[in-house]
Amino acid sequence: MSPVHETEPARPRYGRLLCGPSVLLAVVVLGRFVLEAAGLPLDTTRFLSANVAGALAIIYVGAAAPLCGVTRFRQLAFPAFILSAGLGGWTALTLLISGLLQLPGSHFAHASGSLYPRLWFHVFEHVAIIPFASLATLSVMAIPYFLRRWPVTVAPATVLGGLVILRFAAEAMDLAPTTASALSSSVALALCALHLGGVGPRMGLTSPRQFLAPALALGLVWRLWVFLAALVSVVLGYKSHFFDLSEDRVAFRLLEFLAGEVIVVGLAAGLLVLGIASWVSRATRPLGEP
């Protein structure tokens, strides 16, 4: 009798997972630096935001990690560190070049005129924050990563997170309200429900009971993205419709937001998604099937 060899779990393919996002961050940071050094106004170059690109990359990596052999949560720590180090490192490098070459027109310098007094402090600041940024990155990655139990929800949840990021960025840049509201995650949630009802039967979801968990997960994740946007609004002091900074008791209102807007509204939204997905699944079922 031949010996039985246990199949070893596949190792994470970090190169495949991180290549695209890492290149994207480098292109955005260096591209913005070159354009600002060439004299383009900051009102134009601000649309090449490394923070926005980084947030989108984080969500993508969290969603795509299971496809690249990441089967344990702790294995996400390395991608989280690489993305944080890449963003912080490229930013520190461009800041250093801005200071040494006296390029006050670059937003990386955070100053006009003489750059040397605060140059090394800003470089150290961007490097020292990498470990803390890695923890925040890991937390955000965990949201789409844990949805791998219901693969049909990963793509819609990723789209919802991306729209919340883009709308937050649009409001932080003081774009017209009509422009920012066009990036509505509420409308996108309804479209995600249609997607769930159309694709679900091909992935084994054939009854409302089977749709229940994925639908509730989408509703809760949608509100969780909104809560994170509200939290960033508070931390960075950006004005957005996600959270009103003009009122007092910020910490208490954040807890109310978490209990009401995330849990209660999220569950209600999940039930709405369940109804739409079940109806679409039933309406598109081939004739003759029960």
Protein backbone atom coordinates (compact mmCIF):
# COMPACT_ATOMS: atom_id res chain seq x y z
CA MET A 1 0.00 0.00 0.00
CA SER A 2 1.43 3.33 -1.01
CA PRO A 3 1.77 5.94 1.72
CA VAL A 4 -0.87 8.65 1.89
CA HIS A 5 0.57 12.12 1.50
CA GLU A 6 -1.41 14.98 2.99
CA THR A 7 -1.95 17.83 0.64
CA GLU A 8 -0.19 20.93 1.88
CA PRO A 9 -2.19 24.16 1.69
CA ALA A 10 -1.19 26.43 -1.16
CA ARG A 11 1.06 29.29 -0.21
CA PRO A 12 -0.27 32.82 -0.67
CA ARG A 13 0.68 34.32 -4.03
CA TYR A 14 1.54 37.75 -2.69
CA GLY A 15 3.29 38.84 -5.87
CA ARG A 16 0.18 38.31 -7.96
CA LEU A 17 -2.01 39.95 -5.32
CA LEU A 18 0.09 43.05 -4.69
CA CYS A 19 1.66 43.78 -8.08
CA GLY A 20 -1.21 45.79 -9.54
CA PRO A 21 -2.10 47.80 -6.40
CA SER A 22 1.57 48.59 -5.69
CA VAL A 23 2.15 49.84 -9.22
CA LEU A 24 -1.05 51.91 -9.03
CA LEU A 25 0.08 53.67 -5.84
CA ALA A 26 3.51 54.42 -7.31
CA VAL A 27 2.02 55.79 -10.54
CA VAL A 28 -0.48 58.01 -8.70
CA VAL A 29 2.06 59.45 -6.24
CA LEU A 30 4.84 59.98 -8.78
CA GLY A 31 2.42 61.16 -11.46
CA ARG A 32 0.99 63.83 -9.17
CA PHE A 33 4.48 64.88 -8.11
CA VAL A 34 5.63 65.28 -11.72
CA LEU A 35 2.53 67.25 -12.70
CA GLU A 36 2.88 69.60 -9.74
CA ALA A 37 6.59 70.04 -10.42
CA ALA A 38 5.66 70.95 -14.01
CA GLY A 39 3.48 73.77 -12.70
CA LEU A 40 -0.05 72.38 -12.92
CA PRO A 41 -2.39 73.95 -10.35
CA LEU A 42 -3.23 71.97 -7.24
CA ASP A 43 -6.96 72.23 -8.07
CA THR A 44 -6.20 69.95 -11.01
CA THR A 45 -3.64 67.57 -9.54
CA ARG A 46 -5.71 66.94 -6.41
CA PHE A 47 -7.81 64.48 -8.40
CA LEU A 48 -4.75 62.20 -8.44
CA SER A 49 -5.19 61.43 -4.77
CA ALA A 50 -2.94 58.70 -3.42
CA ASN A 51 -5.18 58.37 -0.34
CA VAL A 52 -8.22 57.63 -2.49
CA ALA A 53 -6.26 55.24 -4.70
CA GLY A 54 -4.85 53.57 -1.60
CA ALA A 55 -8.29 53.10 -0.05
CA LEU A 56 -9.61 51.54 -3.25
CA ALA A 57 -6.54 49.29 -3.45
CA ILE A 58 -7.06 48.14 0.13
CA ILE A 59 -10.62 47.04 -0.58
CA TYR A 60 -9.52 45.30 -3.77
CA VAL A 61 -6.76 43.37 -1.99
CA GLY A 62 -9.13 42.29 0.77
CA ALA A 63 -11.61 41.01 -1.80
CA ALA A 64 -9.06 39.32 -4.08
CA ALA A 65 -6.89 37.80 -1.33
CA PRO A 66 -8.76 34.45 -1.16
CA LEU A 67 -8.25 34.04 -4.92
CA CYS A 68 -4.49 34.31 -4.37
CA GLY A 69 -4.17 31.65 -1.70
CA VAL A 70 -4.73 33.78 1.40
CA THR A 71 -6.75 31.39 3.55
CA ARG A 72 -6.01 32.73 7.04
CA PHE A 73 -6.70 36.19 8.37
CA ARG A 74 -3.17 36.62 9.75
CA GLN A 75 -1.84 36.21 6.21
CA LEU A 76 -3.40 39.59 5.40
CA ALA A 77 -0.89 41.33 7.68
CA PHE A 78 1.83 41.23 5.02
CA PRO A 79 -0.27 42.83 2.22
CA ALA A 80 -1.49 45.45 4.71
CA PHE A 81 2.08 46.36 5.62
CA ILE A 82 3.27 46.43 2.00
CA LEU A 83 0.48 48.76 0.88
CA SER A 84 0.97 51.06 3.87
CA ALA A 85 4.73 51.08 3.43
CA GLY A 86 4.39 51.72 -0.29
CA LEU A 87 2.08 54.71 0.19
CA GLY A 88 4.11 56.15 3.05
CA GLY A 89 7.44 55.47 1.37
CA TRP A 90 6.57 57.02 -1.99
CA THR A 91 5.04 60.04 -0.23
CA ALA A 92 8.15 60.49 1.93
CA LEU A 93 10.38 60.22 -1.13
CA THR A 94 8.48 62.87 -3.08
CA LEU A 95 8.42 65.08 0.00
CA LEU A 96 12.19 64.76 0.33
CA ILE A 97 12.75 65.60 -3.32
CA SER A 98 10.37 68.58 -3.02
CA GLY A 99 12.42 69.92 -0.13
CA LEU A 100 15.85 69.32 -1.58
CA LEU A 101 14.93 70.82 -4.95
CA GLN A 102 12.95 73.69 -3.41
CA LEU A 103 9.64 72.91 -5.11
CA PRO A 104 7.11 74.82 -3.00
CA GLY A 105 4.44 74.30 -5.62
CA SER A 106 4.19 70.62 -4.70
CA HIS A 107 1.53 69.74 -2.14
CA PHE A 108 3.87 67.09 -0.74
CA ALA A 109 5.94 69.82 0.89
CA HIS A 110 3.04 71.11 3.02
CA ALA A 111 4.59 74.58 2.90
CA SER A 112 5.54 77.47 0.65
CA GLY A 113 8.88 79.22 0.47
CA SER A 114 11.67 77.63 2.50
CA LEU A 115 11.08 73.92 3.00
CA TYR A 116 14.07 72.87 5.07
CA PRO A 117 12.94 73.70 8.64
CA ARG A 118 10.15 71.15 8.60
CA LEU A 119 11.38 68.84 5.84
CA TRP A 120 12.90 66.07 7.92
CA PHE A 121 10.03 66.16 10.40
CA HIS A 122 7.49 65.54 7.60
CA VAL A 123 9.64 62.74 6.12
CA PHE A 124 9.91 61.05 9.52
CA GLU A 125 6.19 61.56 10.10
CA HIS A 126 5.21 59.65 6.95
CA VAL A 127 7.60 56.80 7.75
CA ALA A 128 6.75 56.52 11.46
CA ILE A 129 3.03 56.26 10.79
CA ILE A 130 3.42 53.12 8.64
CA PRO A 131 2.86 50.58 11.49
CA PHE A 132 -0.33 52.36 12.61
CA ALA A 133 -1.52 52.70 9.01
CA SER A 134 -0.93 48.96 8.58
CA LEU A 135 -3.35 48.19 11.41
CA ALA A 136 -6.01 50.45 9.90
CA THR A 137 -5.38 48.89 6.48
CA LEU A 138 -5.74 45.40 7.92
CA SER A 139 -9.06 46.35 9.54
CA VAL A 140 -10.50 47.61 6.25
CA MET A 141 -9.20 44.60 4.31
CA ALA A 142 -10.98 42.31 6.76
CA ILE A 143 -14.43 43.51 5.65
CA PRO A 144 -14.42 42.13 2.09
CA TYR A 145 -12.12 39.25 3.11
CA PHE A 146 -14.60 37.78 5.59
CA LEU A 147 -17.34 37.87 2.94
CA ARG A 148 -15.59 35.01 1.14
CA ARG A 149 -18.07 32.69 2.89
CA TRP A 150 -20.67 34.13 0.53
CA PRO A 151 -18.71 34.70 -2.70
CA VAL A 152 -21.75 36.21 -4.42
CA THR A 153 -21.55 39.19 -2.04
CA VAL A 154 -17.85 40.05 -2.49
CA ALA A 155 -18.11 42.03 -5.74
CA PRO A 156 -21.22 44.04 -4.70
CA ALA A 157 -19.71 44.85 -1.30
CA THR A 158 -16.50 46.00 -3.00
CA VAL A 159 -18.45 48.28 -5.33
CA LEU A 160 -20.37 49.76 -2.39
CA GLY A 161 -17.14 50.47 -0.53
CA GLY A 162 -15.61 52.08 -3.60
CA LEU A 163 -18.60 54.37 -4.10
CA VAL A 164 -18.53 55.46 -0.45
CA ILE A 165 -14.84 56.32 -0.82
CA LEU A 166 -15.39 58.27 -4.03
CA ARG A 167 -18.32 60.22 -2.60
CA PHE A 168 -16.36 61.05 0.54
CA ALA A 169 -13.48 62.26 -1.62
CA ALA A 170 -15.82 64.35 -3.78
CA GLU A 171 -17.30 66.04 -0.71
CA ALA A 172 -13.86 66.54 0.88
CA MET A 173 -12.77 68.32 -2.33
CA ASP A 174 -15.85 70.58 -2.13
CA LEU A 175 -17.22 69.43 -5.46
CA ALA A 176 -20.76 70.40 -6.40
CA PRO A 177 -23.40 68.55 -4.32
CA THR A 178 -25.00 67.25 -7.51
CA THR A 179 -21.68 65.69 -8.51
CA ALA A 180 -21.12 64.06 -5.13
CA SER A 181 -24.71 62.78 -4.84
CA ALA A 182 -24.35 61.05 -8.20
CA LEU A 183 -22.02 58.63 -6.40
CA SER A 184 -24.88 57.33 -4.29
CA SER A 185 -24.26 54.03 -2.52
CA SER A 186 -27.98 53.84 -1.68
CA VAL A 187 -28.87 53.52 -5.36
CA ALA A 188 -25.98 51.10 -5.81
CA LEU A 189 -27.40 48.90 -3.04
CA ALA A 190 -30.57 48.37 -5.07
CA LEU A 191 -28.48 47.44 -8.09
CA CYS A 192 -26.50 45.04 -5.92
CA ALA A 193 -29.77 43.41 -4.89
CA LEU A 194 -30.62 42.90 -8.56
CA HIS A 195 -27.16 41.40 -9.07
CA LEU A 196 -27.63 39.08 -6.11
CA GLY A 197 -30.98 37.83 -7.44
CA GLY A 198 -29.61 37.30 -10.93
CA VAL A 199 -26.30 35.63 -10.08
CA GLY A 200 -27.34 33.87 -6.87
CA PRO A 201 -29.11 30.89 -8.53
CA ARG A 202 -25.96 30.14 -10.53
CA MET A 203 -24.07 29.88 -7.24
CA GLY A 204 -26.56 27.59 -5.54
CA LEU A 205 -28.96 30.11 -4.01
CA THR A 206 -32.43 28.92 -4.98
CA SER A 207 -34.71 29.94 -2.11
CA PRO A 208 -35.35 33.02 0.03
CA ARG A 209 -33.90 31.17 3.01
CA GLN A 210 -30.60 30.72 1.16
CA PHE A 211 -30.60 34.39 0.13
CA LEU A 212 -31.11 35.56 3.73
CA ALA A 213 -27.51 35.50 5.00
CA PRO A 214 -25.93 37.08 1.88
CA ALA A 215 -28.62 39.78 1.78
CA LEU A 216 -28.17 40.70 5.45
CA ALA A 217 -24.40 40.69 4.97
CA LEU A 218 -24.70 43.19 2.09
CA GLY A 219 -26.97 45.48 4.10
CA LEU A 220 -24.69 45.48 7.14
CA VAL A 221 -21.49 45.90 5.12
CA TRP A 222 -23.02 48.83 3.24
CA ARG A 223 -23.75 50.64 6.49
CA LEU A 224 -20.35 49.67 7.87
CA TRP A 225 -18.68 51.44 4.91
CA VAL A 226 -20.78 54.51 5.69
CA PHE A 227 -19.79 54.34 9.37
CA LEU A 228 -16.10 54.23 8.43
CA ALA A 229 -16.61 57.31 6.24
CA ALA A 230 -18.24 59.08 9.19
CA LEU A 231 -15.34 58.05 11.43
CA VAL A 232 -12.79 59.41 8.95
CA SER A 233 -14.80 62.65 8.74
CA VAL A 234 -14.40 63.05 12.51
CA VAL A 235 -10.71 62.11 12.63
CA LEU A 236 -9.66 64.32 9.71
CA GLY A 237 -12.21 67.07 10.29
CA TYR A 238 -13.62 66.89 6.75
CA LYS A 239 -17.09 68.20 6.12
CA SER A 240 -19.31 65.55 4.56
CA HIS A 241 -22.89 64.40 4.64
CA PHE A 242 -21.81 61.22 6.42
CA PHE A 243 -21.47 62.99 9.78
CA ASP A 244 -22.35 66.45 11.09
CA LEU A 245 -19.29 67.91 12.81
CA SER A 246 -21.08 71.09 13.90
CA GLU A 247 -22.85 69.38 16.82
CA ASP A 248 -21.36 68.42 20.17
CA ARG A 249 -21.02 64.98 21.82
CA VAL A 250 -19.16 63.52 18.87
CA ALA A 251 -18.16 60.26 20.57
CA PHE A 252 -21.68 59.60 21.84
CA ARG A 253 -23.21 60.33 18.44
CA LEU A 254 -20.74 57.95 16.82
CA LEU A 255 -21.93 55.20 19.16
CA GLU A 256 -25.53 56.08 18.27
CA PHE A 257 -24.55 55.93 14.61
CA LEU A 258 -23.02 52.49 15.10
CA ALA A 259 -26.10 51.13 16.88
CA GLY A 260 -28.77 52.80 14.78
CA GLU A 261 -27.36 53.52 11.34
CA VAL A 262 -25.21 50.40 11.08
CA ILE A 263 -27.06 47.64 12.91
CA VAL A 264 -30.72 48.69 12.66
CA VAL A 265 -30.61 50.33 9.24
CA GLY A 266 -28.22 47.66 7.99
CA LEU A 267 -30.58 44.85 8.93
CA ALA A 268 -33.52 46.70 7.39
CA ALA A 269 -31.52 47.25 4.21
CA GLY A 270 -30.61 43.57 4.21
CA LEU A 271 -34.27 42.60 4.32
CA LEU A 272 -34.95 44.93 1.39
CA VAL A 273 -32.11 43.30 -0.53
CA LEU A 274 -33.59 39.90 0.36
CA GLY A 275 -36.96 40.88 -1.08
CA ILE A 276 -35.52 42.25 -4.32
CA ALA A 277 -33.10 39.35 -4.79
CA SER A 278 -35.79 36.73 -4.14
CA TRP A 279 -38.16 38.41 -6.60
CA VAL A 280 -35.49 38.64 -9.30
CA SER A 281 -34.49 35.02 -8.74
CA ARG A 282 -38.12 33.92 -9.05
CA ALA A 283 -38.88 36.14 -12.04
CA THR A 284 -35.85 34.98 -14.03
CA ARG A 285 -36.23 31.29 -13.25
CA PRO A 286 -36.64 29.19 -16.43
CA LEU A 287 -40.11 27.88 -17.12
CA GLY A 288 -40.73 24.43 -15.75
CA GLU A 289 -38.48 24.81 -12.70
CA PRO A 290 -40.22 24.74 -9.30
